[in-house]
Every structure is written in C-alpha cells, then in structure tokens.
Amino acid sequence: MKPTKIHIPDELKADLPPSRFGKILGATPVVMAVVATMLAGLASSEMTKAQYDRSLGAQQQSKAGDQWSFFQAKRLRGAIQRNTADLLQTTTEVHAFEPSAVEKLTSQFPNEGGSNSLGKALSAVIDSPAGRSALVVLASGQAPPSGPSQVLDPAINAAVEGVETSTPDAELASVINQVDQQRLDAALRTARARAQGFDDSTKAINQAIDQLDDLLGRLALGRARAAAAQSAADPGDLVAALTRDFTAARLRYASQRYEIEARFNQTIANLYEIQVRKSNIAAQHHHRRSQRFFFGMLGAQAGVIISTLAMAAKNRNLLWSIAAAAGLVAVAFAVYVFLYV
C-alpha cells in the first residue's frame, strides 16, 4: 500500500513567501503557544515550590516555638528552685551538705520503717553508682558537666546574632543567605544530640536524688511523729537537720540543671529560627520567579494573538478570528485580575 501524499493548495502556498522566513512566520503561532504553555507550567511549578517553603517554614516555626516554650519553662523552674533555696537559707539554719552524714544516718537507724526498712533502702540508694554520683554532685554544689560549648560556623553565628538582636528581615536576608543549609542541619543535629546527651547523663542522678529526697522525707516525718507521740521536741535532731541541708543542696542543683537545659533549648530554638527565615526567603524567591514566568506567559500569549490576528486578517478566516478574540479577552481578564482583584 502506497503512502498517501498530502497536497497543499496553491492558495495557501501563496499566503506566505516560500522562503525560510515565511516558514518561520507560519510556525510562529504554534511555537508561541508551546512557549506560553511551558511558561505557564514553570510559573505553576515555582508557585508550588513557594507554597512548600511557606509550609516548611511554618512547621519549623512550630518546632522553634516548642523549644522557646521549653526554654521559658525551664528558666522559670530554675528561678523558682533558686528563690526557694534562698528563702530556706534565710528562714532556717542550713549547712553545707555532707554525704558522710547520710551514710551515718543509715547505720544509726537501720530498722526505721519496719520490715521494709527505710534505713536499708537509703543505704541501697547511696551504695548504687547513681547514688554515689548524686551525693558527689550535691556536695560540690555544681551541676554535672555539660561538655564543651558548641562551636558554630561563623555564618551561622552571625545569623544567630541577627536573630537575637531582632535585626530587620531586609538586613538579615543577606546574612541568612550566607548560611549553608547542610552546615545548619548539622549544627541543629549536634545541638539536639548535646541536649539529649546531657539529659541522658543526668537521668540516673536525678532519679537517685528523687529517691533520696523521698526516703529522707519519710524518715524525717517518722522521727517527727515519734517525737510528737512522746511529747518531746528535739530541735537538733540529726534527720531534720540533714533533710534541710539535703533540700537546700537539691534546690541549688536543680536550679543549675534547669539553667543548662534551658540554654540547650535556646540554642536549638535559634537554629530553628534561622531555618524559618531561610525557608521564607526561598519562598519569596520562588514567588518572584513565578510572577516573572507568568508575565512571560502573557507575552507569549500576546504573540500568539497578534500572529493569529494577522493570519486571520489575511485569510479572512472566522475561526482564527474567534480564537484571537478569545485570546485577547483572556489577556485582558488576566490584566484586570492582576491590577484590581
């Protein structure tokens, strides 16, 4: 079967010059339509990217807000612990906490509390590794070491300073753009790991301190009830004095620990704030590109309309005239929406 040949009427061949330029003119509406479609797709793609970056920035802002909430709560808890310790020292006699006094207490009241001896339970806590560490920490008056300070990239440091000093976004944008995203992500992972590491290193000590506080409190309460039953007051009771000293040391330790944890949360929050601003800057960039592509699409459509009008006028073709008119209406409507809606 022979292929069918397509014959172009001579009337159509005469519409355009048979040169290369004439062929280009004939293909102009089709090419411009393809270009307009491509630019419309690019504009839509850039707008989608802008929306994604805005959504990502909102998620990062939520995470930053959580860290700021932790920071404020822990600073407040630390201040409460510190104020309570100061109040305790001004209202009663408090001495430096001595771990040996606790060990002495376990031998002095070995059977206190019946079959489940509080003295034995207290001895078990202080003989454990966590208990010994807790006694050392309370006696020293210092919180466990939090490790060396995190060293940030200079660009990240500059961005953090800008965030902390509330630098206007227009001025901060140039600083934020210098921050490498991979280094920022690495710094954030390191900050979270340091916070988690400090929490892990103090978890056992905190539990031991809570156990000691509970056991000493119950032991002091039992001794107070026994003294009340005998109608005898003993202001110099070893348990009561040790409990006060322990409480003051525990409050000071908790205050310092909360302060360290709050600083970890502050560092993480600042890094999240930089991520938020980077996402917002990226969203603005994609939004501007979307607008430029949209304007280019309008220009390409205008080219299609003009070339279609020229061919319609030459050929007096009704369908081409309707298409050109529809294109003009579409462009006019887009301009109206852009300017007035």
Protein backbone atom coordinates (compact mmCIF):
# COMPACT_ATOMS: atom_id res chain seq x y z
CA MET A 1 0.00 0.00 0.00
CA LYS A 2 1.48 3.30 -1.08
CA PRO A 3 1.54 6.15 1.44
CA THR A 4 -0.98 8.91 0.80
CA LYS A 5 0.57 12.17 -0.31
CA ILE A 6 -0.63 15.45 1.16
CA HIS A 7 -1.19 18.21 -1.37
CA ILE A 8 -1.20 21.78 -0.12
CA PRO A 9 -3.47 24.04 -2.16
CA ASP A 10 -1.77 26.75 -4.13
CA GLU A 11 -3.91 29.38 -2.38
CA LEU A 12 -2.35 28.52 0.98
CA LYS A 13 1.13 28.39 -0.51
CA ALA A 14 0.63 31.90 -1.80
CA ASP A 15 -0.28 33.24 1.67
CA LEU A 16 3.33 33.15 2.86
CA PRO A 17 6.54 33.56 0.93
CA PRO A 18 8.17 30.20 0.12
CA SER A 19 11.38 31.27 1.86
CA ARG A 20 12.71 30.07 5.26
CA PHE A 21 11.49 33.29 6.83
CA GLY A 22 8.00 32.61 5.54
CA LYS A 23 8.02 29.16 7.07
CA ILE A 24 9.12 30.67 10.38
CA LEU A 25 6.26 33.16 10.23
CA GLY A 26 3.82 30.36 9.54
CA ALA A 27 5.06 28.39 12.54
CA THR A 28 5.10 31.38 14.88
CA PRO A 29 1.61 30.86 16.41
CA VAL A 30 2.35 27.22 17.17
CA VAL A 31 5.79 27.96 18.66
CA MET A 32 4.46 30.84 20.76
CA ALA A 33 1.61 28.64 22.03
CA VAL A 34 4.13 26.00 23.10
CA VAL A 35 6.28 28.65 24.80
CA ALA A 36 3.24 30.08 26.60
CA THR A 37 2.29 26.60 27.84
CA MET A 38 5.84 25.97 29.02
CA LEU A 39 5.98 29.30 30.88
CA ALA A 40 2.60 28.60 32.47
CA GLY A 41 3.94 25.27 33.75
CA LEU A 42 7.08 26.94 35.11
CA ALA A 43 5.01 29.62 36.84
CA SER A 44 2.83 26.97 38.44
CA SER A 45 5.89 24.95 39.47
CA GLU A 46 7.55 27.96 41.13
CA MET A 47 4.35 28.81 42.97
CA THR A 48 4.14 25.22 44.24
CA LYS A 49 7.71 25.47 45.49
CA ALA A 50 6.89 28.76 47.21
CA GLN A 51 3.90 27.18 48.94
CA TYR A 52 6.04 24.23 50.02
CA ASP A 53 8.69 26.53 51.51
CA ARG A 54 5.99 28.52 53.33
CA SER A 55 4.55 25.31 54.75
CA LEU A 56 8.02 24.10 55.73
CA GLY A 57 8.73 27.44 57.40
CA ALA A 58 5.50 27.14 59.40
CA GLN A 59 6.49 23.67 60.60
CA GLN A 60 9.95 24.90 61.57
CA GLN A 61 8.41 27.87 63.38
CA SER A 62 6.24 25.47 65.35
CA LYS A 63 9.34 23.49 66.36
CA ALA A 64 11.11 26.71 67.32
CA GLY A 65 8.08 27.70 69.39
CA ASP A 66 8.25 24.39 71.24
CA GLN A 67 11.91 24.99 72.07
CA TRP A 68 11.20 28.54 73.26
CA SER A 69 8.42 27.15 75.48
CA PHE A 70 10.86 24.65 76.98
CA PHE A 71 13.40 27.43 77.43
CA GLN A 72 10.97 29.68 79.26
CA ALA A 73 9.57 26.87 81.40
CA LYS A 74 12.99 25.67 82.48
CA ARG A 75 14.23 29.18 83.19
CA LEU A 76 11.13 29.72 85.32
CA ARG A 77 11.62 26.40 87.14
CA GLY A 78 15.26 27.24 87.75
CA ALA A 79 14.32 30.64 89.16
CA ILE A 80 11.72 29.04 91.45
CA GLN A 81 14.25 26.50 92.72
CA ARG A 82 16.83 29.23 93.33
CA ASN A 83 14.38 31.51 95.11
CA THR A 84 13.17 28.64 97.29
CA ALA A 85 16.75 27.80 98.27
CA ASP A 86 17.38 31.46 99.16
CA LEU A 87 14.19 31.56 101.21
CA LEU A 88 15.16 28.36 103.02
CA GLN A 89 18.55 29.78 103.93
CA THR A 90 17.06 32.99 105.30
CA THR A 91 14.40 31.28 107.42
CA THR A 92 16.34 28.38 108.95
CA GLU A 93 19.86 27.25 109.63
CA VAL A 94 21.34 25.46 106.64
CA HIS A 95 24.82 23.93 106.39
CA ALA A 96 26.82 22.50 103.54
CA PHE A 97 25.57 19.08 102.59
CA GLU A 98 27.84 16.24 103.79
CA PRO A 99 27.44 12.82 102.13
CA SER A 100 29.03 11.18 105.18
CA ALA A 101 26.05 12.35 107.26
CA VAL A 102 23.73 10.27 105.06
CA GLU A 103 25.93 7.20 105.48
CA LYS A 104 25.97 7.78 109.21
CA LEU A 105 22.18 8.04 109.17
CA THR A 106 21.76 4.60 107.58
CA SER A 107 23.76 3.00 110.36
CA GLN A 108 22.04 4.99 113.09
CA PHE A 109 18.51 4.00 112.04
CA PRO A 110 18.94 0.63 110.28
CA ASN A 111 15.46 -0.69 111.12
CA GLU A 112 13.49 2.52 110.77
CA GLY A 113 10.21 1.86 108.96
CA GLY A 114 9.55 -1.75 109.90
CA SER A 115 10.24 -4.79 107.75
CA ASN A 116 10.88 -2.65 104.66
CA SER A 117 13.49 -0.62 106.46
CA LEU A 118 13.88 2.97 105.24
CA GLY A 119 17.45 2.84 106.51
CA LYS A 120 18.19 -0.19 104.33
CA ALA A 121 16.50 1.40 101.34
CA LEU A 122 18.52 4.57 101.89
CA SER A 123 21.70 2.51 102.14
CA ALA A 124 20.86 0.74 98.88
CA VAL A 125 20.43 4.07 97.07
CA ILE A 126 23.67 5.65 98.28
CA ASP A 127 25.63 2.46 97.55
CA SER A 128 24.49 2.46 93.91
CA PRO A 129 26.66 4.16 91.25
CA ALA A 130 23.94 6.74 90.59
CA GLY A 131 23.52 7.38 94.30
CA ARG A 132 27.24 7.95 94.83
CA SER A 133 27.32 10.32 91.86
CA ALA A 134 24.29 12.17 93.24
CA LEU A 135 25.97 12.64 96.63
CA VAL A 136 29.13 13.97 94.97
CA VAL A 137 27.14 16.39 92.84
CA LEU A 138 25.08 17.65 95.79
CA ALA A 139 28.17 18.07 97.97
CA SER A 140 30.05 20.01 95.28
CA GLY A 141 27.16 22.42 94.69
CA GLN A 142 27.72 22.17 90.94
CA ALA A 143 25.63 20.59 88.20
CA PRO A 144 27.16 17.74 86.15
CA PRO A 145 29.40 18.98 83.32
CA SER A 146 27.55 19.71 80.09
CA GLY A 147 30.60 19.28 77.88
CA PRO A 148 32.42 21.88 75.79
CA SER A 149 30.42 24.66 74.18
CA GLN A 150 29.19 24.02 70.67
CA VAL A 151 31.30 25.77 68.05
CA LEU A 152 29.11 27.14 65.26
CA ASP A 153 30.07 28.13 61.75
CA PRO A 154 30.87 31.89 61.54
CA ALA A 155 27.99 32.45 59.11
CA ILE A 156 25.60 30.66 61.47
CA ASN A 157 26.94 32.67 64.40
CA ALA A 158 26.30 35.91 62.52
CA ALA A 159 22.77 34.78 61.68
CA VAL A 160 22.09 33.80 65.30
CA GLU A 161 23.26 37.21 66.48
CA GLY A 162 20.97 38.83 63.94
CA VAL A 163 18.01 36.80 65.18
CA GLU A 164 18.78 37.53 68.83
CA THR A 165 19.11 41.27 68.19
CA SER A 166 15.86 41.36 66.14
CA THR A 167 17.61 42.63 63.00
CA PRO A 168 15.06 43.63 60.32
CA ASP A 169 14.40 40.91 57.78
CA ALA A 170 15.62 43.08 54.90
CA GLU A 171 19.04 43.42 56.54
CA LEU A 172 19.10 39.89 57.88
CA ALA A 173 18.38 38.30 54.50
CA SER A 174 21.92 38.87 53.19
CA VAL A 175 23.34 37.25 56.34
CA ILE A 176 20.93 34.32 56.18
CA ASN A 177 21.82 33.68 52.53
CA GLN A 178 25.43 33.10 53.57
CA VAL A 179 24.40 30.17 55.77
CA ASP A 180 24.99 26.78 54.20
CA GLN A 181 21.93 24.56 54.62
CA GLN A 182 23.94 21.39 55.22
CA ARG A 183 26.04 23.04 57.92
CA LEU A 184 22.91 24.43 59.52
CA ASP A 185 21.30 20.99 59.57
CA ALA A 186 24.49 19.52 61.05
CA ALA A 187 24.60 22.22 63.74
CA LEU A 188 20.98 21.52 64.62
CA ARG A 189 21.62 17.78 64.89
CA THR A 190 24.64 18.47 67.11
CA ALA A 191 22.63 20.81 69.36
CA ARG A 192 19.85 18.25 69.78
CA ALA A 193 22.40 15.49 70.43
CA ARG A 194 24.11 17.60 73.12
CA ALA A 195 20.80 18.31 74.82
CA GLN A 196 19.85 14.64 74.70
CA GLY A 197 23.30 13.62 75.93
CA PHE A 198 23.07 15.92 78.94
CA ASP A 199 19.61 14.59 79.72
CA ASP A 200 20.87 11.00 79.50
CA SER A 201 23.91 11.75 81.68
CA THR A 202 21.79 13.28 84.44
CA LYS A 203 18.79 10.96 84.29
CA ALA A 204 20.14 8.37 86.72
CA ILE A 205 21.44 11.07 89.08
CA ASN A 206 18.08 12.85 89.04
CA GLN A 207 16.28 9.61 89.87
CA ALA A 208 18.70 8.90 92.72
CA ILE A 209 18.18 12.43 94.10
CA ASP A 210 14.41 11.97 93.95
CA GLN A 211 14.72 8.66 95.80
CA LEU A 212 16.95 10.21 98.46
CA ASP A 213 14.53 13.10 98.86
CA ASP A 214 11.61 10.72 99.29
CA LEU A 215 13.41 8.46 101.77
CA LEU A 216 14.80 11.31 103.86
CA GLY A 217 11.40 12.99 103.91
CA ARG A 218 9.68 9.83 105.07
CA LEU A 219 12.39 9.21 107.66
CA ALA A 220 12.15 12.78 108.97
CA LEU A 221 8.36 12.52 109.11
CA GLY A 222 8.57 9.28 111.06
CA ARG A 223 11.00 10.77 113.55
CA ALA A 224 8.81 13.85 113.95
CA ARG A 225 5.74 11.71 114.63
CA ALA A 226 7.68 9.65 117.19
CA ALA A 227 8.84 12.81 118.95
CA ALA A 228 5.28 14.17 118.96
CA ALA A 229 3.95 10.94 120.44
CA GLN A 230 6.48 11.22 123.24
CA SER A 231 5.70 14.93 123.65
CA ALA A 232 9.40 15.69 123.26
CA ALA A 233 10.86 18.22 120.88
CA ASP A 234 14.37 17.71 119.57
CA PRO A 235 15.39 20.76 117.51
CA GLY A 236 18.83 19.32 116.98
CA ASP A 237 17.56 16.05 115.53
CA LEU A 238 20.05 14.67 113.01
CA VAL A 239 17.39 13.64 110.49
CA ALA A 240 15.69 17.05 110.42
CA ALA A 241 18.98 18.90 110.08
CA LEU A 242 20.23 16.58 107.34
CA THR A 243 16.94 16.85 105.49
CA ARG A 244 17.18 20.66 105.46
CA ASP A 245 20.77 20.53 104.22
CA PHE A 246 19.84 17.98 101.56
CA THR A 247 16.86 20.04 100.43
CA ALA A 248 18.96 23.18 100.04
CA ALA A 249 21.58 21.28 98.04
CA ARG A 250 18.90 19.66 95.87
CA LEU A 251 17.32 23.02 95.10
CA ARG A 252 20.65 24.52 94.09
CA TYR A 253 21.42 21.52 91.88
CA ALA A 254 18.00 21.66 90.21
CA SER A 255 18.37 25.38 89.56
CA GLN A 256 21.71 24.87 87.82
CA ARG A 257 20.46 21.88 85.86
CA TYR A 258 17.41 23.73 84.58
CA GLU A 259 19.60 26.64 83.54
CA ILE A 260 21.87 24.36 81.50
CA GLU A 261 18.91 22.62 79.85
CA ALA A 262 17.31 26.00 79.08
CA ARG A 263 20.46 27.12 77.28
CA PHE A 264 20.39 23.96 75.18
CA ASN A 265 16.78 24.72 74.22
CA GLN A 266 17.72 28.30 73.40
CA THR A 267 20.45 27.18 71.02
CA ILE A 268 18.12 24.76 69.25
CA ALA A 269 15.39 27.41 69.01
CA ASN A 270 17.79 29.93 67.45
CA LEU A 271 18.89 27.39 64.84
CA TYR A 272 15.25 26.64 64.02
CA GLU A 273 14.64 30.39 63.68
CA ILE A 274 17.38 30.55 61.05
CA GLN A 275 15.76 27.67 59.19
CA VAL A 276 12.43 29.50 59.30
CA ARG A 277 13.96 32.60 57.75
CA LYS A 278 15.79 30.59 55.09
CA SER A 279 12.53 28.90 54.13
CA ASN A 280 10.72 32.26 53.96
CA ILE A 281 13.48 33.75 51.80
CA ALA A 282 13.32 30.73 49.47
CA ALA A 283 9.53 31.08 49.28
CA GLN A 284 9.82 34.75 48.33
CA HIS A 285 12.41 33.85 45.68
CA HIS A 286 10.15 31.22 44.11
CA HIS A 287 7.19 33.59 44.30
CA ARG A 288 9.09 36.25 42.35
CA ARG A 289 10.16 33.68 39.74
CA SER A 290 6.54 32.56 39.41
CA GLN A 291 5.48 36.14 38.70
CA ARG A 292 8.21 36.56 36.08
CA PHE A 293 7.23 33.35 34.34
CA PHE A 294 3.60 34.46 34.43
CA PHE A 295 4.46 37.75 32.75
CA GLY A 296 6.47 35.83 30.16
CA MET A 297 3.48 33.59 29.54
CA LEU A 298 1.30 36.67 28.94
CA GLY A 299 3.86 37.96 26.46
CA ALA A 300 3.90 34.65 24.62
CA GLN A 301 0.11 34.58 24.51
CA ALA A 302 0.13 38.12 23.18
CA GLY A 303 2.48 36.92 20.43
CA VAL A 304 0.10 34.09 19.60
CA ILE A 305 -2.83 36.50 19.46
CA ILE A 306 -1.03 39.04 17.28
CA SER A 307 0.20 36.43 14.81
CA THR A 308 -3.23 34.78 14.73
CA LEU A 309 -4.92 38.13 14.09
CA ALA A 310 -2.51 38.84 11.25
CA MET A 311 -3.17 35.49 9.60
CA ALA A 312 -6.92 35.79 10.22
CA ALA A 313 -6.98 39.23 8.64
CA LYS A 314 -5.04 38.00 5.65
CA ASN A 315 -7.09 34.89 5.14
CA ARG A 316 -10.40 36.29 6.43
CA ASN A 317 -10.76 33.13 8.50
CA LEU A 318 -13.66 33.22 11.00
CA LEU A 319 -12.30 30.50 13.31
CA TRP A 320 -8.89 32.18 13.62
CA SER A 321 -10.65 35.48 14.34
CA ILE A 322 -12.68 33.86 17.14
CA ALA A 323 -9.52 32.29 18.59
CA ALA A 324 -7.70 35.61 18.50
CA ALA A 325 -10.63 37.39 20.17
CA ALA A 326 -10.75 34.72 22.90
CA GLY A 327 -7.04 35.23 23.48
CA LEU A 328 -7.47 38.99 23.76
CA VAL A 329 -10.27 38.52 26.30
CA ALA A 330 -8.10 36.14 28.31
CA VAL A 331 -5.18 38.58 28.41
CA ALA A 332 -7.45 41.48 29.32
CA PHE A 333 -9.04 39.45 32.09
CA ALA A 334 -5.59 38.49 33.46
CA VAL A 335 -4.54 42.15 33.46
CA TYR A 336 -7.78 43.10 35.27
CA VAL A 337 -7.24 40.44 37.93
CA PHE A 338 -3.60 41.48 38.38
CA LEU A 339 -4.43 45.17 38.80
CA TYR A 340 -7.79 45.26 40.57
CA VAL A 341 -8.57 41.94 42.27
